[in-house]
Amino acid sequence: MSNYYEIEKGRGLFLYTDRGEIQVRQKEGERIFTPVILAKDYERELHDIAYNGSIYFVYINSSGSLVVRSVLGYAFAYEKKTIKGVRYEKPCLMSFYGRLLLFFSEQSENAEGESKVYGILPFEDGRQFFETNCRAAKVTDYAIWSLFRNESGIRI
């Protein structure tokens, strides 16, 4: 999968995965430049968003942790470490009233089909603002539902 972000007319960036890496390529007119490797520990579930003048992406790395980064910087913007017996699923970044939100589900290895959906603020020390139990749910559906019902606790 690849996403294209147009910076200005004829110039843009492709963000994609290739063999355990997250790469970005710049495009100018018809020219596509050599890829730049942004992460070498990609395992699954890349999701990205344009936010506050940059492109941020979230993925699950080879150790099972959730990682949020920017294409402009190589340091982690946020990382939620793996917890033994828990599997993170379906990470999703959203922008809401000028804040970057991260939603994801967490499934315990000993729970059959039961999972929890969490919402956190990665740029505010990972503060959690939303949690709900669900069964095989779509994280984005719960995220949008919580924001519109204002059950997330985020002050508008």
N, C-alpha and C. Protein backbone atom coordinates (compact mmCIF):
# COMPACT_ATOMS: atom_id res chain seq x y z
N MET A 1 0.84 -1.17 0.00
CA MET A 1 0.00 0.00 0.00
C MET A 1 0.89 1.24 0.00
N SER A 2 0.45 2.27 -0.68
CA SER A 2 1.21 3.50 -0.76
C SER A 2 0.25 4.68 -0.70
N ASN A 3 0.65 5.73 -0.03
CA ASN A 3 -0.12 6.97 -0.02
C ASN A 3 0.73 8.08 -0.60
N TYR A 4 0.09 8.96 -1.35
CA TYR A 4 0.78 10.08 -1.97
C TYR A 4 0.29 11.37 -1.35
N TYR A 5 1.23 12.21 -0.94
CA TYR A 5 0.93 13.53 -0.37
C TYR A 5 1.53 14.58 -1.27
N GLU A 6 0.68 15.43 -1.84
CA GLU A 6 1.17 16.49 -2.71
C GLU A 6 1.58 17.69 -1.87
N ILE A 7 2.83 18.10 -2.02
CA ILE A 7 3.37 19.23 -1.27
C ILE A 7 3.01 20.53 -1.98
N GLU A 8 3.26 20.57 -3.24
CA GLU A 8 2.88 21.68 -4.11
C GLU A 8 2.74 21.10 -5.51
N LYS A 9 2.27 21.91 -6.43
CA LYS A 9 1.99 21.40 -7.77
C LYS A 9 3.19 20.66 -8.36
N GLY A 10 2.97 19.38 -8.63
CA GLY A 10 4.02 18.58 -9.25
C GLY A 10 5.03 17.97 -8.29
N ARG A 11 4.98 18.34 -7.01
CA ARG A 11 5.92 17.80 -6.02
C ARG A 11 5.14 17.08 -4.93
N GLY A 12 5.67 15.94 -4.51
CA GLY A 12 4.99 15.22 -3.46
C GLY A 12 5.83 14.11 -2.88
N LEU A 13 5.22 13.37 -1.96
CA LEU A 13 5.88 12.27 -1.28
C LEU A 13 5.01 11.02 -1.34
N PHE A 14 5.66 9.89 -1.59
CA PHE A 14 5.01 8.59 -1.49
C PHE A 14 5.48 7.95 -0.19
N LEU A 15 4.55 7.47 0.62
CA LEU A 15 4.89 6.75 1.84
C LEU A 15 4.38 5.32 1.67
N TYR A 16 5.26 4.34 1.86
CA TYR A 16 4.88 2.95 1.61
C TYR A 16 5.77 2.00 2.41
N THR A 17 5.39 0.72 2.41
CA THR A 17 6.17 -0.31 3.08
C THR A 17 6.79 -1.24 2.05
N ASP A 18 7.95 -1.78 2.42
CA ASP A 18 8.63 -2.73 1.55
C ASP A 18 9.54 -3.62 2.40
N ARG A 19 9.20 -4.89 2.49
CA ARG A 19 10.02 -5.89 3.19
C ARG A 19 10.48 -5.45 4.58
N GLY A 20 9.56 -5.13 5.45
CA GLY A 20 9.90 -4.79 6.83
C GLY A 20 10.40 -3.37 7.03
N GLU A 21 10.30 -2.55 6.01
CA GLU A 21 10.75 -1.16 6.10
C GLU A 21 9.60 -0.22 5.72
N ILE A 22 9.64 0.97 6.30
CA ILE A 22 8.76 2.05 5.86
C ILE A 22 9.64 3.03 5.11
N GLN A 23 9.24 3.34 3.89
CA GLN A 23 10.06 4.19 3.03
C GLN A 23 9.25 5.38 2.53
N VAL A 24 9.97 6.43 2.20
CA VAL A 24 9.36 7.60 1.59
C VAL A 24 10.16 7.95 0.33
N ARG A 25 9.45 8.32 -0.72
CA ARG A 25 10.09 8.76 -1.97
C ARG A 25 9.54 10.11 -2.35
N GLN A 26 10.43 10.97 -2.80
CA GLN A 26 10.03 12.28 -3.27
C GLN A 26 9.78 12.21 -4.77
N LYS A 27 8.77 12.97 -5.21
CA LYS A 27 8.43 13.05 -6.63
C LYS A 27 8.45 14.52 -7.03
N GLU A 28 9.14 14.81 -8.11
CA GLU A 28 9.15 16.15 -8.71
C GLU A 28 8.88 16.00 -10.19
N GLY A 29 7.72 16.48 -10.62
CA GLY A 29 7.34 16.31 -12.02
C GLY A 29 7.23 14.83 -12.35
N GLU A 30 8.01 14.38 -13.33
CA GLU A 30 8.00 12.97 -13.71
C GLU A 30 9.10 12.18 -13.00
N ARG A 31 9.98 12.88 -12.26
CA ARG A 31 11.10 12.21 -11.59
C ARG A 31 10.67 11.68 -10.23
N ILE A 32 11.05 10.45 -9.95
CA ILE A 32 10.85 9.86 -8.63
C ILE A 32 12.22 9.51 -8.09
N PHE A 33 12.53 10.03 -6.91
CA PHE A 33 13.87 9.90 -6.34
C PHE A 33 14.04 8.60 -5.56
N THR A 34 15.27 8.31 -5.22
CA THR A 34 15.63 7.13 -4.43
C THR A 34 14.91 7.16 -3.08
N PRO A 35 14.44 6.00 -2.62
CA PRO A 35 13.71 5.99 -1.35
C PRO A 35 14.60 6.29 -0.14
N VAL A 36 13.99 6.88 0.86
CA VAL A 36 14.63 7.10 2.16
C VAL A 36 13.93 6.18 3.14
N ILE A 37 14.71 5.41 3.90
CA ILE A 37 14.15 4.48 4.87
C ILE A 37 13.84 5.23 6.16
N LEU A 38 12.59 5.19 6.58
CA LEU A 38 12.15 5.85 7.81
C LEU A 38 12.13 4.91 9.00
N ALA A 39 11.90 3.63 8.76
CA ALA A 39 11.88 2.63 9.83
C ALA A 39 12.26 1.28 9.26
N LYS A 40 13.05 0.52 10.02
CA LYS A 40 13.47 -0.80 9.59
C LYS A 40 12.82 -1.91 10.40
N ASP A 41 11.91 -1.55 11.29
CA ASP A 41 11.29 -2.54 12.18
C ASP A 41 9.79 -2.70 11.95
N TYR A 42 9.32 -2.36 10.75
CA TYR A 42 7.90 -2.46 10.43
C TYR A 42 7.46 -3.92 10.39
N GLU A 43 6.35 -4.21 11.08
CA GLU A 43 5.77 -5.54 10.99
C GLU A 43 4.41 -5.51 10.31
N ARG A 44 3.53 -4.58 10.74
CA ARG A 44 2.20 -4.56 10.15
C ARG A 44 1.47 -3.26 10.47
N GLU A 45 0.39 -3.02 9.71
CA GLU A 45 -0.62 -2.01 9.97
C GLU A 45 -0.12 -0.56 9.98
N LEU A 46 0.36 -0.12 8.84
CA LEU A 46 0.78 1.28 8.67
C LEU A 46 -0.45 2.15 8.43
N HIS A 47 -0.52 3.25 9.16
CA HIS A 47 -1.59 4.24 8.95
C HIS A 47 -0.93 5.61 9.05
N ASP A 48 -1.28 6.52 8.16
CA ASP A 48 -0.62 7.83 8.15
C ASP A 48 -1.64 8.95 7.97
N ILE A 49 -1.18 10.18 8.31
CA ILE A 49 -2.05 11.35 8.26
C ILE A 49 -1.19 12.60 8.09
N ALA A 50 -1.71 13.57 7.35
CA ALA A 50 -1.06 14.89 7.28
C ALA A 50 -1.59 15.69 8.46
N TYR A 51 -0.68 16.20 9.28
CA TYR A 51 -1.07 16.92 10.49
C TYR A 51 -0.04 17.99 10.81
N ASN A 52 -0.50 19.20 10.99
CA ASN A 52 0.34 20.30 11.47
C ASN A 52 1.61 20.49 10.64
N GLY A 53 1.48 20.41 9.31
CA GLY A 53 2.61 20.67 8.42
C GLY A 53 3.56 19.52 8.23
N SER A 54 3.21 18.34 8.70
CA SER A 54 4.06 17.17 8.51
C SER A 54 3.18 15.95 8.23
N ILE A 55 3.82 14.86 7.91
CA ILE A 55 3.11 13.59 7.73
C ILE A 55 3.54 12.70 8.89
N TYR A 56 2.56 12.25 9.65
CA TYR A 56 2.81 11.35 10.77
C TYR A 56 2.29 9.97 10.39
N PHE A 57 2.96 8.95 10.90
CA PHE A 57 2.51 7.60 10.64
C PHE A 57 2.62 6.77 11.91
N VAL A 58 1.74 5.78 12.00
CA VAL A 58 1.75 4.84 13.12
C VAL A 58 1.84 3.44 12.53
N TYR A 59 2.54 2.57 13.22
CA TYR A 59 2.66 1.19 12.78
C TYR A 59 2.95 0.31 13.99
N ILE A 60 2.84 -0.98 13.78
CA ILE A 60 3.21 -1.94 14.81
C ILE A 60 4.56 -2.52 14.38
N ASN A 61 5.54 -2.41 15.29
CA ASN A 61 6.89 -2.83 14.92
C ASN A 61 7.11 -4.33 15.20
N SER A 62 8.30 -4.79 14.91
CA SER A 62 8.62 -6.21 15.00
C SER A 62 8.56 -6.74 16.43
N SER A 63 8.63 -5.88 17.43
CA SER A 63 8.50 -6.34 18.82
C SER A 63 7.06 -6.21 19.32
N GLY A 64 6.13 -5.75 18.45
CA GLY A 64 4.72 -5.65 18.81
C GLY A 64 4.31 -4.32 19.41
N SER A 65 5.23 -3.36 19.50
CA SER A 65 4.93 -2.04 20.06
C SER A 65 4.25 -1.16 19.02
N LEU A 66 3.45 -0.20 19.50
CA LEU A 66 2.87 0.83 18.63
C LEU A 66 3.86 1.97 18.54
N VAL A 67 4.14 2.44 17.34
CA VAL A 67 5.12 3.51 17.15
C VAL A 67 4.50 4.62 16.30
N VAL A 68 4.62 5.87 16.76
CA VAL A 68 4.19 7.04 16.00
C VAL A 68 5.45 7.83 15.66
N ARG A 69 5.60 8.17 14.37
CA ARG A 69 6.76 8.94 13.92
C ARG A 69 6.33 9.95 12.88
N SER A 70 7.25 10.83 12.53
CA SER A 70 7.04 11.82 11.49
C SER A 70 8.02 11.57 10.36
N VAL A 71 7.63 11.91 9.13
CA VAL A 71 8.56 11.77 8.01
C VAL A 71 9.69 12.79 8.12
N LEU A 72 9.52 13.82 8.91
CA LEU A 72 10.54 14.87 9.04
C LEU A 72 11.59 14.55 10.09
N GLY A 73 11.32 13.61 10.98
CA GLY A 73 12.27 13.30 12.04
C GLY A 73 12.41 11.81 12.23
N TYR A 74 13.59 11.40 12.62
CA TYR A 74 13.84 9.98 12.79
C TYR A 74 13.59 9.51 14.22
N ALA A 75 13.42 10.42 15.15
CA ALA A 75 13.14 10.04 16.53
C ALA A 75 11.67 9.65 16.67
N PHE A 76 11.39 8.82 17.66
CA PHE A 76 10.01 8.45 17.93
C PHE A 76 9.26 9.64 18.47
N ALA A 77 8.08 9.90 17.91
CA ALA A 77 7.20 10.91 18.48
C ALA A 77 6.50 10.31 19.69
N TYR A 78 6.19 9.00 19.58
CA TYR A 78 5.53 8.29 20.68
C TYR A 78 5.70 6.80 20.45
N GLU A 79 5.86 6.05 21.53
CA GLU A 79 5.92 4.60 21.45
C GLU A 79 5.20 3.99 22.64
N LYS A 80 4.30 3.06 22.37
CA LYS A 80 3.61 2.31 23.42
C LYS A 80 4.19 0.90 23.38
N LYS A 81 4.98 0.57 24.40
CA LYS A 81 5.69 -0.70 24.45
C LYS A 81 4.73 -1.88 24.56
N THR A 82 5.19 -3.00 24.09
CA THR A 82 4.44 -4.24 24.16
C THR A 82 4.25 -4.66 25.61
N ILE A 83 3.06 -5.19 25.89
CA ILE A 83 2.76 -5.76 27.20
C ILE A 83 2.61 -7.27 26.99
N LYS A 84 3.20 -8.06 27.87
CA LYS A 84 3.13 -9.51 27.72
C LYS A 84 1.68 -9.98 27.74
N GLY A 85 1.34 -10.83 26.77
CA GLY A 85 0.00 -11.40 26.69
C GLY A 85 -1.02 -10.51 25.99
N VAL A 86 -0.56 -9.37 25.44
CA VAL A 86 -1.46 -8.41 24.78
C VAL A 86 -0.98 -8.17 23.36
N ARG A 87 -1.91 -8.06 22.46
CA ARG A 87 -1.59 -7.78 21.05
C ARG A 87 -2.30 -6.50 20.64
N TYR A 88 -1.54 -5.54 20.11
CA TYR A 88 -2.12 -4.30 19.60
C TYR A 88 -2.59 -4.51 18.17
N GLU A 89 -3.71 -3.90 17.84
CA GLU A 89 -4.31 -4.05 16.51
C GLU A 89 -4.84 -2.72 16.01
N LYS A 90 -4.96 -2.59 14.71
CA LYS A 90 -5.67 -1.52 14.01
C LYS A 90 -5.36 -0.10 14.50
N PRO A 91 -4.11 0.31 14.53
CA PRO A 91 -3.83 1.69 14.94
C PRO A 91 -4.34 2.68 13.90
N CYS A 92 -4.80 3.81 14.37
CA CYS A 92 -5.42 4.80 13.50
C CYS A 92 -5.13 6.20 14.04
N LEU A 93 -4.56 7.06 13.24
CA LEU A 93 -4.31 8.46 13.63
C LEU A 93 -5.43 9.33 13.10
N MET A 94 -5.86 10.30 13.91
CA MET A 94 -6.87 11.27 13.50
C MET A 94 -6.48 12.64 14.03
N SER A 95 -6.92 13.65 13.32
CA SER A 95 -6.75 15.02 13.79
C SER A 95 -8.12 15.53 14.20
N PHE A 96 -8.20 16.11 15.39
CA PHE A 96 -9.48 16.58 15.91
C PHE A 96 -9.23 17.86 16.69
N TYR A 97 -9.80 18.96 16.22
CA TYR A 97 -9.64 20.27 16.86
C TYR A 97 -8.18 20.58 17.19
N GLY A 98 -7.31 20.36 16.22
CA GLY A 98 -5.91 20.72 16.37
C GLY A 98 -5.07 19.76 17.18
N ARG A 99 -5.62 18.62 17.55
CA ARG A 99 -4.87 17.63 18.31
C ARG A 99 -4.71 16.35 17.49
N LEU A 100 -3.57 15.70 17.68
CA LEU A 100 -3.35 14.41 17.05
C LEU A 100 -3.81 13.33 18.01
N LEU A 101 -4.71 12.46 17.53
CA LEU A 101 -5.26 11.39 18.35
C LEU A 101 -4.83 10.04 17.79
N LEU A 102 -4.56 9.11 18.67
CA LEU A 102 -4.22 7.75 18.28
C LEU A 102 -5.25 6.80 18.89
N PHE A 103 -5.93 6.06 18.03
CA PHE A 103 -6.85 5.02 18.46
C PHE A 103 -6.26 3.67 18.08
N PHE A 104 -6.49 2.67 18.91
CA PHE A 104 -6.03 1.32 18.61
C PHE A 104 -6.82 0.33 19.47
N SER A 105 -6.79 -0.92 19.07
CA SER A 105 -7.42 -1.94 19.90
C SER A 105 -6.34 -2.80 20.53
N GLU A 106 -6.71 -3.37 21.65
CA GLU A 106 -5.81 -4.21 22.41
C GLU A 106 -6.54 -5.51 22.70
N GLN A 107 -5.95 -6.62 22.31
CA GLN A 107 -6.59 -7.91 22.52
C GLN A 107 -5.70 -8.77 23.40
N SER A 108 -6.30 -9.29 24.46
CA SER A 108 -5.60 -10.18 25.37
C SER A 108 -5.56 -11.57 24.75
N GLU A 109 -4.44 -12.27 24.93
CA GLU A 109 -4.31 -13.60 24.34
C GLU A 109 -5.28 -14.60 24.94
N ASN A 110 -5.74 -14.38 26.18
CA ASN A 110 -6.64 -15.32 26.81
C ASN A 110 -8.11 -14.90 26.72
N ALA A 111 -8.43 -13.81 26.03
CA ALA A 111 -9.82 -13.40 25.84
C ALA A 111 -10.24 -13.79 24.43
N GLU A 112 -11.37 -14.46 24.32
CA GLU A 112 -11.84 -14.94 23.02
C GLU A 112 -12.65 -13.88 22.31
N GLY A 113 -12.04 -13.21 21.35
CA GLY A 113 -12.74 -12.21 20.55
C GLY A 113 -13.00 -10.89 21.26
N GLU A 114 -12.74 -10.83 22.54
CA GLU A 114 -12.95 -9.59 23.29
C GLU A 114 -11.72 -8.69 23.14
N SER A 115 -11.97 -7.43 22.96
CA SER A 115 -10.87 -6.48 22.90
C SER A 115 -11.32 -5.15 23.47
N LYS A 116 -10.37 -4.26 23.65
CA LYS A 116 -10.67 -2.91 24.11
C LYS A 116 -10.16 -1.94 23.07
N VAL A 117 -10.88 -0.85 22.90
CA VAL A 117 -10.43 0.23 22.03
C VAL A 117 -9.99 1.37 22.93
N TYR A 118 -8.81 1.90 22.66
CA TYR A 118 -8.25 3.01 23.43
C TYR A 118 -8.05 4.22 22.53
N GLY A 119 -8.16 5.38 23.11
CA GLY A 119 -7.79 6.63 22.46
C GLY A 119 -6.77 7.33 23.33
N ILE A 120 -5.65 7.73 22.76
CA ILE A 120 -4.63 8.43 23.52
C ILE A 120 -4.15 9.65 22.74
N LEU A 121 -3.52 10.55 23.46
CA LEU A 121 -2.93 11.75 22.88
C LEU A 121 -1.41 11.57 22.86
N PRO A 122 -0.84 11.16 21.73
CA PRO A 122 0.59 10.84 21.71
C PRO A 122 1.51 12.02 22.02
N PHE A 123 1.08 13.25 21.73
CA PHE A 123 1.92 14.41 22.00
C PHE A 123 1.68 15.01 23.39
N GLU A 124 0.82 14.39 24.15
CA GLU A 124 0.57 14.83 25.52
C GLU A 124 0.89 13.67 26.46
N ASP A 125 2.11 13.17 26.34
CA ASP A 125 2.64 12.08 27.15
C ASP A 125 1.80 10.82 27.08
N GLY A 126 1.09 10.61 25.98
CA GLY A 126 0.31 9.40 25.82
C GLY A 126 -0.90 9.33 26.72
N ARG A 127 -1.39 10.50 27.13
CA ARG A 127 -2.55 10.53 28.03
C ARG A 127 -3.74 9.84 27.37
N GLN A 128 -4.33 8.92 28.11
CA GLN A 128 -5.50 8.18 27.62
C GLN A 128 -6.76 9.01 27.86
N PHE A 129 -7.62 9.10 26.85
CA PHE A 129 -8.87 9.85 27.00
C PHE A 129 -10.09 9.02 26.67
N PHE A 130 -9.88 7.79 26.20
CA PHE A 130 -11.02 6.99 25.78
C PHE A 130 -10.70 5.51 25.95
N GLU A 131 -11.67 4.74 26.43
CA GLU A 131 -11.54 3.29 26.53
C GLU A 131 -12.93 2.67 26.48
N THR A 132 -13.08 1.59 25.72
CA THR A 132 -14.34 0.87 25.68
C THR A 132 -14.08 -0.59 25.34
N ASN A 133 -14.92 -1.46 25.85
CA ASN A 133 -14.86 -2.88 25.50
C ASN A 133 -15.62 -3.08 24.20
N CYS A 134 -15.17 -4.01 23.39
CA CYS A 134 -15.86 -4.27 22.14
C CYS A 134 -15.58 -5.70 21.71
N ARG A 135 -16.27 -6.12 20.70
CA ARG A 135 -16.09 -7.46 20.15
C ARG A 135 -15.87 -7.31 18.64
N ALA A 136 -14.67 -7.63 18.19
CA ALA A 136 -14.33 -7.57 16.76
C ALA A 136 -14.76 -6.27 16.13
N ALA A 137 -14.45 -5.18 16.77
CA ALA A 137 -14.91 -3.86 16.32
C ALA A 137 -13.92 -3.22 15.37
N LYS A 138 -14.43 -2.30 14.60
CA LYS A 138 -13.58 -1.44 13.79
C LYS A 138 -13.18 -0.26 14.66
N VAL A 139 -11.89 -0.08 14.84
CA VAL A 139 -11.40 0.99 15.70
C VAL A 139 -11.87 2.35 15.22
N THR A 140 -11.82 2.58 13.91
CA THR A 140 -12.22 3.89 13.40
C THR A 140 -13.68 4.18 13.68
N ASP A 141 -14.54 3.16 13.62
CA ASP A 141 -15.95 3.37 13.93
C ASP A 141 -16.12 3.83 15.37
N TYR A 142 -15.45 3.16 16.30
CA TYR A 142 -15.54 3.55 17.71
C TYR A 142 -14.94 4.93 17.93
N ALA A 143 -13.84 5.23 17.24
CA ALA A 143 -13.19 6.52 17.41
C ALA A 143 -14.11 7.65 16.98
N ILE A 144 -14.69 7.53 15.80
CA ILE A 144 -15.58 8.58 15.29
C ILE A 144 -16.82 8.69 16.17
N TRP A 145 -17.37 7.57 16.57
CA TRP A 145 -18.55 7.55 17.43
C TRP A 145 -18.25 8.27 18.75
N SER A 146 -17.08 7.99 19.34
CA SER A 146 -16.76 8.60 20.63
C SER A 146 -16.55 10.11 20.50
N LEU A 147 -15.97 10.55 19.39
CA LEU A 147 -15.71 11.98 19.22
C LEU A 147 -17.01 12.75 19.00
N PHE A 148 -17.89 12.20 18.18
CA PHE A 148 -19.12 12.92 17.91
C PHE A 148 -20.07 12.91 19.10
N ARG A 149 -20.02 11.89 19.90
CA ARG A 149 -20.85 11.85 21.11
C ARG A 149 -20.14 12.54 22.26
N ASN A 150 -18.91 12.98 22.02
CA ASN A 150 -18.04 13.62 23.01
C ASN A 150 -17.86 12.77 24.25
N GLU A 151 -17.82 11.45 24.07
CA GLU A 151 -17.54 10.54 25.17
C GLU A 151 -16.04 10.37 25.37
N SER A 152 -15.28 11.02 24.55
CA SER A 152 -13.83 10.88 24.64
C SER A 152 -13.26 11.68 25.79
N GLY A 153 -13.99 12.66 26.29
CA GLY A 153 -13.48 13.48 27.37
C GLY A 153 -12.59 14.61 26.89
N ILE A 154 -12.40 14.75 25.59
CA ILE A 154 -11.60 15.85 25.06
C ILE A 154 -12.41 17.12 25.13
N ARG A 155 -11.84 18.14 25.69
CA ARG A 155 -12.51 19.43 25.77
C ARG A 155 -12.48 20.12 24.41
N ILE A 156 -13.65 20.50 23.92
CA ILE A 156 -13.74 21.15 22.62
C ILE A 156 -13.72 22.65 22.80
